[in-house]
Amino acid sequence: MEKEFIEKMQEKLLAEKSVIAKSLADQNADFKKIIEGGEKGDEADIASDVVDGTLLESLGKQDLNRLQMINNALDRIKQGKYGYCLICKKEIPKERLEAIPYAFLCVGCQSQNERRNR
């Protein structure tokens, strides 16, 4: 992989990491408000708060997962292994990395992995 491309992807990963970290902080504050609010209301208000809390928690888990994948990609950059499939060791196409900068499998291995996990 070209050094310029890897640096570009590292900047993209760091920017995405920053956005996710801010989002998680905001969601955490919103989630705390819902839980601590405990305001008395009718059943519809209470149900709405529960749904909001569940949605925030779900989004938080997705963001945490993506954040972990970003951190793993940044580690692979440091180790000089970024851009190579962890299974077949072939180079991951740049187009895939531009779309999903934290991708760790090539398309073929990703497809096989998804088929196995169904």
PDB file of N, CA and C in Angstrom:
ATOM      1  N   MET A   1       0.842  -1.183   0.000  1.00  0.00           N
ATOM      2  CA  MET A   1       0.000   0.000   0.000  1.00  0.00           C
ATOM      3  C   MET A   1       0.891   1.251   0.000  1.00  0.00           C
ATOM      4  N   GLU A   2       0.410   2.241  -0.702  1.00  0.00           N
ATOM      5  CA  GLU A   2       1.140   3.503  -0.784  1.00  0.00           C
ATOM      6  C   GLU A   2       1.022   4.278   0.527  1.00  0.00           C
ATOM      7  N   LYS A   3       2.105   4.904   0.891  1.00  0.00           N
ATOM      8  CA  LYS A   3       2.163   5.648   2.147  1.00  0.00           C
ATOM      9  C   LYS A   3       1.122   6.764   2.177  1.00  0.00           C
ATOM     10  N   GLU A   4       0.949   7.475   1.064  1.00  0.00           N
ATOM     11  CA  GLU A   4      -0.021   8.586   1.020  1.00  0.00           C
ATOM     12  C   GLU A   4      -1.437   8.085   1.246  1.00  0.00           C
ATOM     13  N   PHE A   5      -1.754   6.939   0.645  1.00  0.00           N
ATOM     14  CA  PHE A   5      -3.093   6.367   0.804  1.00  0.00           C
ATOM     15  C   PHE A   5      -3.334   5.979   2.256  1.00  0.00           C
ATOM     16  N   ILE A   6      -2.359   5.353   2.871  1.00  0.00           N
ATOM     17  CA  ILE A   6      -2.501   4.933   4.273  1.00  0.00           C
ATOM     18  C   ILE A   6      -2.666   6.155   5.171  1.00  0.00           C
ATOM     19  N   GLU A   7      -1.904   7.215   4.910  1.00  0.00           N
ATOM     20  CA  GLU A   7      -2.041   8.444   5.705  1.00  0.00           C
ATOM     21  C   GLU A   7      -3.435   9.052   5.533  1.00  0.00           C
ATOM     22  N   LYS A   8      -3.940   9.022   4.304  1.00  0.00           N
ATOM     23  CA  LYS A   8      -5.287   9.528   4.030  1.00  0.00           C
ATOM     24  C   LYS A   8      -6.328   8.721   4.808  1.00  0.00           C
ATOM     25  N   MET A   9      -6.179   7.402   4.823  1.00  0.00           N
ATOM     26  CA  MET A   9      -7.118   6.539   5.535  1.00  0.00           C
ATOM     27  C   MET A   9      -6.998   6.743   7.043  1.00  0.00           C
ATOM     28  N   GLN A  10      -5.777   6.982   7.524  1.00  0.00           N
ATOM     29  CA  GLN A  10      -5.582   7.224   8.951  1.00  0.00           C
ATOM     30  C   GLN A  10      -6.307   8.502   9.369  1.00  0.00           C
ATOM     31  N   GLU A  11      -6.209   9.546   8.559  1.00  0.00           N
ATOM     32  CA  GLU A  11      -6.919  10.794   8.850  1.00  0.00           C
ATOM     33  C   GLU A  11      -8.432  10.564   8.852  1.00  0.00           C
ATOM     34  N   LYS A  12      -8.902   9.784   7.881  1.00  0.00           N
ATOM     35  CA  LYS A  12     -10.330   9.479   7.789  1.00  0.00           C
ATOM     36  C   LYS A  12     -10.792   8.693   9.017  1.00  0.00           C
ATOM     37  N   LEU A  13     -10.006   7.720   9.432  1.00  0.00           N
ATOM     38  CA  LEU A  13     -10.332   6.918  10.610  1.00  0.00           C
ATOM     39  C   LEU A  13     -10.360   7.774  11.873  1.00  0.00           C
ATOM     40  N   LEU A  14      -9.376   8.647  12.021  1.00  0.00           N
ATOM     41  CA  LEU A  14      -9.325   9.509  13.203  1.00  0.00           C
ATOM     42  C   LEU A  14     -10.511  10.481  13.232  1.00  0.00           C
ATOM     43  N   ALA A  15     -10.902  10.993  12.072  1.00  0.00           N
ATOM     44  CA  ALA A  15     -12.056  11.894  12.001  1.00  0.00           C
ATOM     45  C   ALA A  15     -13.333  11.142  12.374  1.00  0.00           C
ATOM     46  N   GLU A  16     -13.485   9.931  11.861  1.00  0.00           N
ATOM     47  CA  GLU A  16     -14.656   9.121  12.163  1.00  0.00           C
ATOM     48  C   GLU A  16     -14.680   8.752  13.650  1.00  0.00           C
ATOM     49  N   LYS A  17     -13.515   8.475  14.196  1.00  0.00           N
ATOM     50  CA  LYS A  17     -13.407   8.147  15.629  1.00  0.00           C
ATOM     51  C   LYS A  17     -13.868   9.326  16.466  1.00  0.00           C
ATOM     52  N   SER A  18     -13.478  10.510  16.085  1.00  0.00           N
ATOM     53  CA  SER A  18     -13.872  11.714  16.813  1.00  0.00           C
ATOM     54  C   SER A  18     -15.388  11.924  16.769  1.00  0.00           C
ATOM     55  N   VAL A  19     -15.978  11.720  15.602  1.00  0.00           N
ATOM     56  CA  VAL A  19     -17.431  11.874  15.454  1.00  0.00           C
ATOM     57  C   VAL A  19     -18.163  10.868  16.333  1.00  0.00           C
ATOM     58  N   ILE A  20     -17.705   9.627  16.325  1.00  0.00           N
ATOM     59  CA  ILE A  20     -18.353   8.583  17.128  1.00  0.00           C
ATOM     60  C   ILE A  20     -18.207   8.877  18.616  1.00  0.00           C
ATOM     61  N   ALA A  21     -17.028   9.301  19.032  1.00  0.00           N
ATOM     62  CA  ALA A  21     -16.806   9.615  20.440  1.00  0.00           C
ATOM     63  C   ALA A  21     -17.745  10.729  20.901  1.00  0.00           C
ATOM     64  N   LYS A  22     -17.904  11.751  20.079  1.00  0.00           N
ATOM     65  CA  LYS A  22     -18.824  12.842  20.415  1.00  0.00           C
ATOM     66  C   LYS A  22     -20.256  12.334  20.461  1.00  0.00           C
ATOM     67  N   SER A  23     -20.627  11.515  19.497  1.00  0.00           N
ATOM     68  CA  SER A  23     -21.972  10.960  19.441  1.00  0.00           C
ATOM     69  C   SER A  23     -22.266  10.112  20.680  1.00  0.00           C
ATOM     70  N   LEU A  24     -21.305   9.269  21.068  1.00  0.00           N
ATOM     71  CA  LEU A  24     -21.489   8.444  22.262  1.00  0.00           C
ATOM     72  C   LEU A  24     -21.628   9.295  23.514  1.00  0.00           C
ATOM     73  N   ALA A  25     -20.842  10.349  23.601  1.00  0.00           N
ATOM     74  CA  ALA A  25     -20.934  11.248  24.756  1.00  0.00           C
ATOM     75  C   ALA A  25     -22.312  11.911  24.795  1.00  0.00           C
ATOM     76  N   ASP A  26     -22.791  12.368  23.634  1.00  0.00           N
ATOM     77  CA  ASP A  26     -24.113  12.990  23.568  1.00  0.00           C
ATOM     78  C   ASP A  26     -25.210  11.990  23.912  1.00  0.00           C
ATOM     79  N   GLN A  27     -25.104  10.777  23.361  1.00  0.00           N
ATOM     80  CA  GLN A  27     -26.111   9.748  23.635  1.00  0.00           C
ATOM     81  C   GLN A  27     -26.117   9.374  25.103  1.00  0.00           C
ATOM     82  N   ASN A  28     -24.930   9.294  25.685  1.00  0.00           N
ATOM     83  CA  ASN A  28     -24.831   8.946  27.097  1.00  0.00           C
ATOM     84  C   ASN A  28     -25.527  10.001  27.946  1.00  0.00           C
ATOM     85  N   ALA A  29     -25.329  11.264  27.594  1.00  0.00           N
ATOM     86  CA  ALA A  29     -25.981  12.344  28.338  1.00  0.00           C
ATOM     87  C   ALA A  29     -27.495  12.263  28.168  1.00  0.00           C
ATOM     88  N   ASP A  30     -27.956  12.004  26.945  1.00  0.00           N
ATOM     89  CA  ASP A  30     -29.388  11.872  26.694  1.00  0.00           C
ATOM     90  C   ASP A  30     -29.964  10.672  27.429  1.00  0.00           C
ATOM     91  N   PHE A  31     -29.230   9.559  27.411  1.00  0.00           N
ATOM     92  CA  PHE A  31     -29.689   8.348  28.083  1.00  0.00           C
ATOM     93  C   PHE A  31     -29.801   8.592  29.591  1.00  0.00           C
ATOM     94  N   LYS A  32     -28.817   9.271  30.155  1.00  0.00           N
ATOM     95  CA  LYS A  32     -28.870   9.587  31.585  1.00  0.00           C
ATOM     96  C   LYS A  32     -30.072  10.458  31.910  1.00  0.00           C
ATOM     97  N   LYS A  33     -30.362  11.437  31.051  1.00  0.00           N
ATOM     98  CA  LYS A  33     -31.519  12.303  31.272  1.00  0.00           C
ATOM     99  C   LYS A  33     -32.805  11.491  31.305  1.00  0.00           C
ATOM    100  N   ILE A  34     -32.926  10.542  30.390  1.00  0.00           N
ATOM    101  CA  ILE A  34     -34.136   9.720  30.335  1.00  0.00           C
ATOM    102  C   ILE A  34     -34.269   8.884  31.599  1.00  0.00           C
ATOM    103  N   ILE A  35     -33.175   8.258  31.997  1.00  0.00           N
ATOM    104  CA  ILE A  35     -33.206   7.390  33.178  1.00  0.00           C
ATOM    105  C   ILE A  35     -33.416   8.196  34.454  1.00  0.00           C
ATOM    106  N   GLU A  36     -32.660   9.274  34.602  1.00  0.00           N
ATOM    107  CA  GLU A  36     -32.719  10.065  35.823  1.00  0.00           C
ATOM    108  C   GLU A  36     -33.944  10.959  35.870  1.00  0.00           C
ATOM    109  N   GLY A  37     -34.512  11.268  34.703  1.00  0.00           N
ATOM    110  CA  GLY A  37     -35.668  12.163  34.645  1.00  0.00           C
ATOM    111  C   GLY A  37     -36.786  11.674  35.524  1.00  0.00           C
ATOM    112  N   GLY A  38     -37.135  10.432  35.349  1.00  0.00           N
ATOM    113  CA  GLY A  38     -38.140   9.821  36.192  1.00  0.00           C
ATOM    114  C   GLY A  38     -39.370  10.672  36.406  1.00  0.00           C
ATOM    115  N   GLU A  39     -39.631  11.596  35.483  1.00  0.00           N
ATOM    116  CA  GLU A  39     -40.786  12.461  35.658  1.00  0.00           C
ATOM    117  C   GLU A  39     -42.053  11.636  35.547  1.00  0.00           C
ATOM    118  N   LYS A  40     -43.038  12.000  36.358  1.00  0.00           N
ATOM    119  CA  LYS A  40     -44.317  11.321  36.318  1.00  0.00           C
ATOM    120  C   LYS A  40     -45.045  11.775  35.063  1.00  0.00           C
ATOM    121  N   GLY A  41     -45.670  10.842  34.383  1.00  0.00           N
ATOM    122  CA  GLY A  41     -46.429  11.174  33.190  1.00  0.00           C
ATOM    123  C   GLY A  41     -47.387  10.062  32.883  1.00  0.00           C
ATOM    124  N   ASP A  42     -48.132  10.256  31.836  1.00  0.00           N
ATOM    125  CA  ASP A  42     -49.053   9.188  31.475  1.00  0.00           C
ATOM    126  C   ASP A  42     -48.284   8.017  30.876  1.00  0.00           C
ATOM    127  N   GLU A  43     -48.976   6.929  30.637  1.00  0.00           N
ATOM    128  CA  GLU A  43     -48.329   5.713  30.147  1.00  0.00           C
ATOM    129  C   GLU A  43     -47.641   5.926  28.799  1.00  0.00           C
ATOM    130  N   ALA A  44     -48.221   6.768  27.946  1.00  0.00           N
ATOM    131  CA  ALA A  44     -47.617   7.024  26.633  1.00  0.00           C
ATOM    132  C   ALA A  44     -46.267   7.716  26.780  1.00  0.00           C
ATOM    133  N   ASP A  45     -46.173   8.668  27.712  1.00  0.00           N
ATOM    134  CA  ASP A  45     -44.899   9.349  27.948  1.00  0.00           C
ATOM    135  C   ASP A  45     -43.847   8.374  28.469  1.00  0.00           C
ATOM    136  N   ILE A  46     -44.251   7.525  29.389  1.00  0.00           N
ATOM    137  CA  ILE A  46     -43.322   6.557  29.976  1.00  0.00           C
ATOM    138  C   ILE A  46     -42.858   5.577  28.894  1.00  0.00           C
ATOM    139  N   ALA A  47     -43.801   5.090  28.083  1.00  0.00           N
ATOM    140  CA  ALA A  47     -43.449   4.156  27.007  1.00  0.00           C
ATOM    141  C   ALA A  47     -42.503   4.823  26.005  1.00  0.00           C
ATOM    142  N   SER A  48     -42.776   6.086  25.701  1.00  0.00           N
ATOM    143  CA  SER A  48     -41.921   6.825  24.767  1.00  0.00           C
ATOM    144  C   SER A  48     -40.504   6.952  25.316  1.00  0.00           C
ATOM    145  N   ASP A  49     -40.386   7.233  26.608  1.00  0.00           N
ATOM    146  CA  ASP A  49     -39.072   7.334  27.232  1.00  0.00           C
ATOM    147  C   ASP A  49     -38.325   6.002  27.183  1.00  0.00           C
ATOM    148  N   VAL A  50     -39.042   4.912  27.404  1.00  0.00           N
ATOM    149  CA  VAL A  50     -38.421   3.586  27.362  1.00  0.00           C
ATOM    150  C   VAL A  50     -37.921   3.295  25.956  1.00  0.00           C
ATOM    151  N   VAL A  51     -38.738   3.600  24.941  1.00  0.00           N
ATOM    152  CA  VAL A  51     -38.339   3.388  23.554  1.00  0.00           C
ATOM    153  C   VAL A  51     -37.122   4.251  23.223  1.00  0.00           C
ATOM    154  N   ASP A  52     -37.148   5.523  23.642  1.00  0.00           N
ATOM    155  CA  ASP A  52     -36.005   6.410  23.408  1.00  0.00           C
ATOM    156  C   ASP A  52     -34.745   5.837  24.044  1.00  0.00           C
ATOM    157  N   GLY A  53     -34.862   5.354  25.256  1.00  0.00           N
ATOM    158  CA  GLY A  53     -33.712   4.791  25.955  1.00  0.00           C
ATOM    159  C   GLY A  53     -33.174   3.557  25.276  1.00  0.00           C
ATOM    160  N   THR A  54     -34.069   2.695  24.834  1.00  0.00           N
ATOM    161  CA  THR A  54     -33.665   1.473  24.144  1.00  0.00           C
ATOM    162  C   THR A  54     -32.974   1.806  22.829  1.00  0.00           C
ATOM    163  N   LEU A  55     -33.523   2.773  22.101  1.00  0.00           N
ATOM    164  CA  LEU A  55     -32.926   3.195  20.833  1.00  0.00           C
ATOM    165  C   LEU A  55     -31.538   3.778  21.058  1.00  0.00           C
ATOM    166  N   LEU A  56     -31.403   4.627  22.050  1.00  0.00           N
ATOM    167  CA  LEU A  56     -30.094   5.216  22.346  1.00  0.00           C
ATOM    168  C   LEU A  56     -29.084   4.139  22.719  1.00  0.00           C
ATOM    169  N   GLU A  57     -29.531   3.171  23.506  1.00  0.00           N
ATOM    170  CA  GLU A  57     -28.628   2.097  23.918  1.00  0.00           C
ATOM    171  C   GLU A  57     -28.203   1.269  22.708  1.00  0.00           C
ATOM    172  N   SER A  58     -29.144   0.982  21.820  1.00  0.00           N
ATOM    173  CA  SER A  58     -28.841   0.220  20.616  1.00  0.00           C
ATOM    174  C   SER A  58     -27.856   0.971  19.732  1.00  0.00           C
ATOM    175  N   LEU A  59     -28.106   2.261  19.518  1.00  0.00           N
ATOM    176  CA  LEU A  59     -27.192   3.072  18.714  1.00  0.00           C
ATOM    177  C   LEU A  59     -25.824   3.132  19.363  1.00  0.00           C
ATOM    178  N   GLY A  60     -25.809   3.210  20.674  1.00  0.00           N
ATOM    179  CA  GLY A  60     -24.544   3.245  21.391  1.00  0.00           C
ATOM    180  C   GLY A  60     -23.734   1.984  21.177  1.00  0.00           C
ATOM    181  N   LYS A  61     -24.408   0.820  21.165  1.00  0.00           N
ATOM    182  CA  LYS A  61     -23.700  -0.446  20.955  1.00  0.00           C
ATOM    183  C   LYS A  61     -23.118  -0.502  19.545  1.00  0.00           C
ATOM    184  N   GLN A  62     -23.884  -0.022  18.564  1.00  0.00           N
ATOM    185  CA  GLN A  62     -23.382  -0.006  17.190  1.00  0.00           C
ATOM    186  C   GLN A  62     -22.171   0.912  17.079  1.00  0.00           C
ATOM    187  N   ASP A  63     -22.255   2.084  17.703  1.00  0.00           N
ATOM    188  CA  ASP A  63     -21.133   3.021  17.671  1.00  0.00           C
ATOM    189  C   ASP A  63     -19.915   2.441  18.382  1.00  0.00           C
ATOM    190  N   LEU A  64     -20.145   1.777  19.509  1.00  0.00           N
ATOM    191  CA  LEU A  64     -19.023   1.169  20.229  1.00  0.00           C
ATOM    192  C   LEU A  64     -18.342   0.095  19.382  1.00  0.00           C
ATOM    193  N   ASN A  65     -19.139  -0.687  18.677  1.00  0.00           N
ATOM    194  CA  ASN A  65     -18.586  -1.718  17.799  1.00  0.00           C
ATOM    195  C   ASN A  65     -17.753  -1.079  16.687  1.00  0.00           C
ATOM    196  N   ARG A  66     -18.306  -0.032  16.057  1.00  0.00           N
ATOM    197  CA  ARG A  66     -17.576   0.643  14.980  1.00  0.00           C
ATOM    198  C   ARG A  66     -16.312   1.305  15.526  1.00  0.00           C
ATOM    199  N   LEU A  67     -16.391   1.866  16.729  1.00  0.00           N
ATOM    200  CA  LEU A  67     -15.218   2.488  17.351  1.00  0.00           C
ATOM    201  C   LEU A  67     -14.118   1.454  17.581  1.00  0.00           C
ATOM    202  N   GLN A  68     -14.497   0.265  18.011  1.00  0.00           N
ATOM    203  CA  GLN A  68     -13.513  -0.804  18.210  1.00  0.00           C
ATOM    204  C   GLN A  68     -12.866  -1.191  16.888  1.00  0.00           C
ATOM    205  N   MET A  69     -13.677  -1.268  15.830  1.00  0.00           N
ATOM    206  CA  MET A  69     -13.141  -1.616  14.519  1.00  0.00           C
ATOM    207  C   MET A  69     -12.191  -0.533  14.014  1.00  0.00           C
ATOM    208  N   ILE A  70     -12.507   0.722  14.290  1.00  0.00           N
ATOM    209  CA  ILE A  70     -11.629   1.830  13.904  1.00  0.00           C
ATOM    210  C   ILE A  70     -10.310   1.745  14.672  1.00  0.00           C
ATOM    211  N   ASN A  71     -10.394   1.504  15.974  1.00  0.00           N
ATOM    212  CA  ASN A  71      -9.173   1.368  16.777  1.00  0.00           C
ATOM    213  C   ASN A  71      -8.316   0.208  16.279  1.00  0.00           C
ATOM    214  N   ASN A  72      -8.963  -0.891  15.893  1.00  0.00           N
ATOM    215  CA  ASN A  72      -8.215  -2.037  15.347  1.00  0.00           C
ATOM    216  C   ASN A  72      -7.517  -1.654  14.042  1.00  0.00           C
ATOM    217  N   ALA A  73      -8.217  -0.896  13.195  1.00  0.00           N
ATOM    218  CA  ALA A  73      -7.617  -0.455  11.919  1.00  0.00           C
ATOM    219  C   ALA A  73      -6.420   0.454  12.184  1.00  0.00           C
ATOM    220  N   LEU A  74      -6.550   1.345  13.160  1.00  0.00           N
ATOM    221  CA  LEU A  74      -5.434   2.237  13.505  1.00  0.00           C
ATOM    222  C   LEU A  74      -4.244   1.423  14.028  1.00  0.00           C
ATOM    223  N   ASP A  75      -4.522   0.377  14.776  1.00  0.00           N
ATOM    224  CA  ASP A  75      -3.451  -0.505  15.258  1.00  0.00           C
ATOM    225  C   ASP A  75      -2.768  -1.212  14.076  1.00  0.00           C
ATOM    226  N   ARG A  76      -3.579  -1.650  13.099  1.00  0.00           N
ATOM    227  CA  ARG A  76      -2.991  -2.310  11.927  1.00  0.00           C
ATOM    228  C   ARG A  76      -2.105  -1.338  11.148  1.00  0.00           C
ATOM    229  N   ILE A  77      -2.484  -0.059  11.118  1.00  0.00           N
ATOM    230  CA  ILE A  77      -1.643   0.941  10.456  1.00  0.00           C
ATOM    231  C   ILE A  77      -0.289   1.010  11.169  1.00  0.00           C
ATOM    232  N   LYS A  78      -0.316   1.079  12.486  1.00  0.00           N
ATOM    233  CA  LYS A  78       0.925   1.140  13.268  1.00  0.00           C
ATOM    234  C   LYS A  78       1.800  -0.094  13.047  1.00  0.00           C
ATOM    235  N   GLN A  79       1.154  -1.249  12.864  1.00  0.00           N
ATOM    236  CA  GLN A  79       1.882  -2.499  12.693  1.00  0.00           C
ATOM    237  C   GLN A  79       2.310  -2.736  11.244  1.00  0.00           C
ATOM    238  N   GLY A  80       1.873  -1.856  10.350  1.00  0.00           N
ATOM    239  CA  GLY A  80       2.200  -2.030   8.942  1.00  0.00           C
ATOM    240  C   GLY A  80       1.374  -3.112   8.258  1.00  0.00           C
ATOM    241  N   LYS A  81       0.229  -3.464   8.832  1.00  0.00           N
ATOM    242  CA  LYS A  81      -0.614  -4.531   8.283  1.00  0.00           C
ATOM    243  C   LYS A  81      -1.935  -3.999   7.725  1.00  0.00           C
ATOM    244  N   TYR A  82      -2.086  -2.695   7.683  1.00  0.00           N
ATOM    245  CA  TYR A  82      -3.340  -2.109   7.202  1.00  0.00           C
ATOM    246  C   TYR A  82      -3.507  -2.368   5.711  1.00  0.00           C
ATOM    247  N   GLY A  83      -4.733  -2.692   5.329  1.00  0.00           N
ATOM    248  CA  GLY A  83      -5.041  -2.880   3.920  1.00  0.00           C
ATOM    249  C   GLY A  83      -4.864  -4.300   3.426  1.00  0.00           C
ATOM    250  N   TYR A  84      -4.572  -5.212   4.352  1.00  0.00           N
ATOM    251  CA  TYR A  84      -4.415  -6.611   3.981  1.00  0.00           C
ATOM    252  C   TYR A  84      -5.460  -7.443   4.728  1.00  0.00           C
ATOM    253  N   CYS A  85      -6.092  -8.350   4.011  1.00  0.00           N
ATOM    254  CA  CYS A  85      -7.119  -9.212   4.579  1.00  0.00           C
ATOM    255  C   CYS A  85      -6.517 -10.064   5.702  1.00  0.00           C
ATOM    256  N   LEU A  86      -7.213 -10.140   6.817  1.00  0.00           N
ATOM    257  CA  LEU A  86      -6.714 -10.918   7.950  1.00  0.00           C
ATOM    258  C   LEU A  86      -6.814 -12.423   7.717  1.00  0.00           C
ATOM    259  N   ILE A  87      -7.623 -12.836   6.744  1.00  0.00           N
ATOM    260  CA  ILE A  87      -7.764 -14.269   6.480  1.00  0.00           C
ATOM    261  C   ILE A  87      -6.827 -14.724   5.358  1.00  0.00           C
ATOM    262  N   CYS A  88      -6.985 -14.150   4.169  1.00  0.00           N
ATOM    263  CA  CYS A  88      -6.201 -14.625   3.016  1.00  0.00           C
ATOM    264  C   CYS A  88      -4.900 -13.848   2.809  1.00  0.00           C
ATOM    265  N   LYS A  89      -4.734 -12.755   3.551  1.00  0.00           N
ATOM    266  CA  LYS A  89      -3.517 -11.923   3.509  1.00  0.00           C
ATOM    267  C   LYS A  89      -3.340 -11.139   2.206  1.00  0.00           C
ATOM    268  N   LYS A  90      -4.345 -11.173   1.310  1.00  0.00           N
ATOM    269  CA  LYS A  90      -4.258 -10.409   0.068  1.00  0.00           C
ATOM    270  C   LYS A  90      -4.599  -8.952   0.340  1.00  0.00           C
ATOM    271  N   GLU A  91      -4.146  -8.087  -0.541  1.00  0.00           N
ATOM    272  CA  GLU A  91      -4.415  -6.656  -0.394  1.00  0.00           C
ATOM    273  C   GLU A  91      -5.902  -6.384  -0.612  1.00  0.00           C
ATOM    274  N   ILE A  92      -6.480  -5.598   0.281  1.00  0.00           N
ATOM    275  CA  ILE A  92      -7.876  -5.192   0.155  1.00  0.00           C
ATOM    276  C   ILE A  92      -7.915  -4.036  -0.842  1.00  0.00           C
ATOM    277  N   PRO A  93      -8.816  -4.080  -1.835  1.00  0.00           N
ATOM    278  CA  PRO A  93      -8.878  -3.002  -2.825  1.00  0.00           C
ATOM    279  C   PRO A  93      -9.102  -1.630  -2.171  1.00  0.00           C
ATOM    280  N   LYS A  94      -8.440  -0.625  -2.738  1.00  0.00           N
ATOM    281  CA  LYS A  94      -8.543   0.736  -2.196  1.00  0.00           C
ATOM    282  C   LYS A  94      -9.982   1.218  -2.166  1.00  0.00           C
ATOM    283  N   GLU A  95     -10.761   0.849  -3.186  1.00  0.00           N
ATOM    284  CA  GLU A  95     -12.158   1.280  -3.243  1.00  0.00           C
ATOM    285  C   GLU A  95     -12.925   0.778  -2.024  1.00  0.00           C
ATOM    286  N   ARG A  96     -12.655  -0.427  -1.594  1.00  0.00           N
ATOM    287  CA  ARG A  96     -13.315  -0.977  -0.397  1.00  0.00           C
ATOM    288  C   ARG A  96     -12.880  -0.213   0.849  1.00  0.00           C
ATOM    289  N   LEU A  97     -11.591   0.070   0.937  1.00  0.00           N
ATOM    290  CA  LEU A  97     -11.082   0.788   2.107  1.00  0.00           C
ATOM    291  C   LEU A  97     -11.587   2.234   2.136  1.00  0.00           C
ATOM    292  N   GLU A  98     -11.764   2.839   0.970  1.00  0.00           N
ATOM    293  CA  GLU A  98     -12.305   4.196   0.949  1.00  0.00           C
ATOM    294  C   GLU A  98     -13.760   4.204   1.415  1.00  0.00           C
ATOM    295  N   ALA A  99     -14.499   3.150   1.072  1.00  0.00           N
ATOM    296  CA  ALA A  99     -15.897   3.045   1.494  1.00  0.00           C
ATOM    297  C   ALA A  99     -16.007   2.645   2.963  1.00  0.00           C
ATOM    298  N   ILE A 100     -15.161   1.705   3.373  1.00  0.00           N
ATOM    299  CA  ILE A 100     -15.163   1.201   4.753  1.00  0.00           C
ATOM    300  C   ILE A 100     -13.716   1.188   5.227  1.00  0.00           C
ATOM    301  N   PRO A 101     -13.221   2.311   5.739  1.00  0.00           N
ATOM    302  CA  PRO A 101     -11.789   2.403   6.072  1.00  0.00           C
ATOM    303  C   PRO A 101     -11.323   1.433   7.159  1.00  0.00           C
ATOM    304  N   TYR A 102     -12.251   0.873   7.921  1.00  0.00           N
ATOM    305  CA  TYR A 102     -11.881  -0.067   8.974  1.00  0.00           C
ATOM    306  C   TYR A 102     -12.076  -1.521   8.536  1.00  0.00           C
ATOM    307  N   ALA A 103     -12.321  -1.748   7.236  1.00  0.00           N
ATOM    308  CA  ALA A 103     -12.495  -3.113   6.724  1.00  0.00           C
ATOM    309  C   ALA A 103     -11.239  -3.932   7.015  1.00  0.00           C
ATOM    310  N   PHE A 104     -11.445  -5.163   7.456  1.00  0.00           N
ATOM    311  CA  PHE A 104     -10.301  -6.013   7.767  1.00  0.00           C
ATOM    312  C   PHE A 104     -10.317  -7.304   6.958  1.00  0.00           C
ATOM    313  N   LEU A 105     -11.354  -7.460   6.115  1.00  0.00           N
ATOM    314  CA  LEU A 105     -11.437  -8.617   5.235  1.00  0.00           C
ATOM    315  C   LEU A 105     -11.683  -8.144   3.809  1.00  0.00           C
ATOM    316  N   CYS A 106     -11.148  -8.878   2.844  1.00  0.00           N
ATOM    317  CA  CYS A 106     -11.453  -8.581   1.453  1.00  0.00           C
ATOM    318  C   CYS A 106     -12.906  -8.991   1.200  1.00  0.00           C
ATOM    319  N   VAL A 107     -13.447  -8.613   0.070  1.00  0.00           N
ATOM    320  CA  VAL A 107     -14.848  -8.898  -0.233  1.00  0.00           C
ATOM    321  C   VAL A 107     -15.126 -10.401  -0.221  1.00  0.00           C
ATOM    322  N   GLY A 108     -14.239 -11.182  -0.820  1.00  0.00           N
ATOM    323  CA  GLY A 108     -14.432 -12.635  -0.873  1.00  0.00           C
ATOM    324  C   GLY A 108     -14.480 -13.265   0.509  1.00  0.00           C
ATOM    325  N   CYS A 109     -13.526 -12.931   1.342  1.00  0.00           N
ATOM    326  CA  CYS A 109     -13.492 -13.490   2.702  1.00  0.00           C
ATOM    327  C   CYS A 109     -14.656 -12.972   3.543  1.00  0.00           C
ATOM    328  N   GLN A 110     -15.039 -11.706   3.354  1.00  0.00           N
ATOM    329  CA  GLN A 110     -16.184 -11.142   4.065  1.00  0.00           C
ATOM    330  C   GLN A 110     -17.456 -11.896   3.697  1.00  0.00           C
ATOM    331  N   SER A 111     -17.641 -12.190   2.405  1.00  0.00           N
ATOM    332  CA  SER A 111     -18.824 -12.935   1.945  1.00  0.00           C
ATOM    333  C   SER A 111     -18.858 -14.327   2.569  1.00  0.00           C
ATOM    334  N   GLN A 112     -17.727 -15.022   2.563  1.00  0.00           N
ATOM    335  CA  GLN A 112     -17.657 -16.354   3.175  1.00  0.00           C
ATOM    336  C   GLN A 112     -17.961 -16.274   4.652  1.00  0.00           C
ATOM    337  N   ASN A 113     -17.444 -15.273   5.326  1.00  0.00           N
ATOM    338  CA  ASN A 113     -17.653 -15.092   6.762  1.00  0.00           C
ATOM    339  C   ASN A 113     -19.140 -14.867   7.057  1.00  0.00           C
ATOM    340  N   GLU A 114     -19.798 -14.047   6.239  1.00  0.00           N
ATOM    341  CA  GLU A 114     -21.222 -13.768   6.439  1.00  0.00           C
ATOM    342  C   GLU A 114     -22.058 -15.032   6.188  1.00  0.00           C
ATOM    343  N   ARG A 115     -21.708 -15.810   5.171  1.00  0.00           N
ATOM    344  CA  ARG A 115     -22.439 -17.049   4.887  1.00  0.00           C
ATOM    345  C   ARG A 115     -22.328 -18.030   6.050  1.00  0.00           C
ATOM    346  N   ARG A 116     -21.147 -18.110   6.640  1.00  0.00           N
ATOM    347  CA  ARG A 116     -20.928 -19.009   7.780  1.00  0.00           C
ATOM    348  C   ARG A 116     -21.726 -18.597   9.002  1.00  0.00           C
ATOM    349  N   ASN A 117     -21.907 -17.287   9.180  1.00  0.00           N
ATOM    350  CA  ASN A 117     -22.566 -16.760  10.370  1.00  0.00           C
ATOM    351  C   ASN A 117     -24.080 -16.650  10.245  1.00  0.00           C
ATOM    352  N   ARG A 118     -24.637 -17.115   9.155  1.00  0.00           N
ATOM    353  CA  ARG A 118     -26.104 -17.059   8.988  1.00  0.00           C
ATOM    354  C   ARG A 118     -26.797 -18.130   9.752  1.00  0.00           C
TER     355      ARG A 118
END
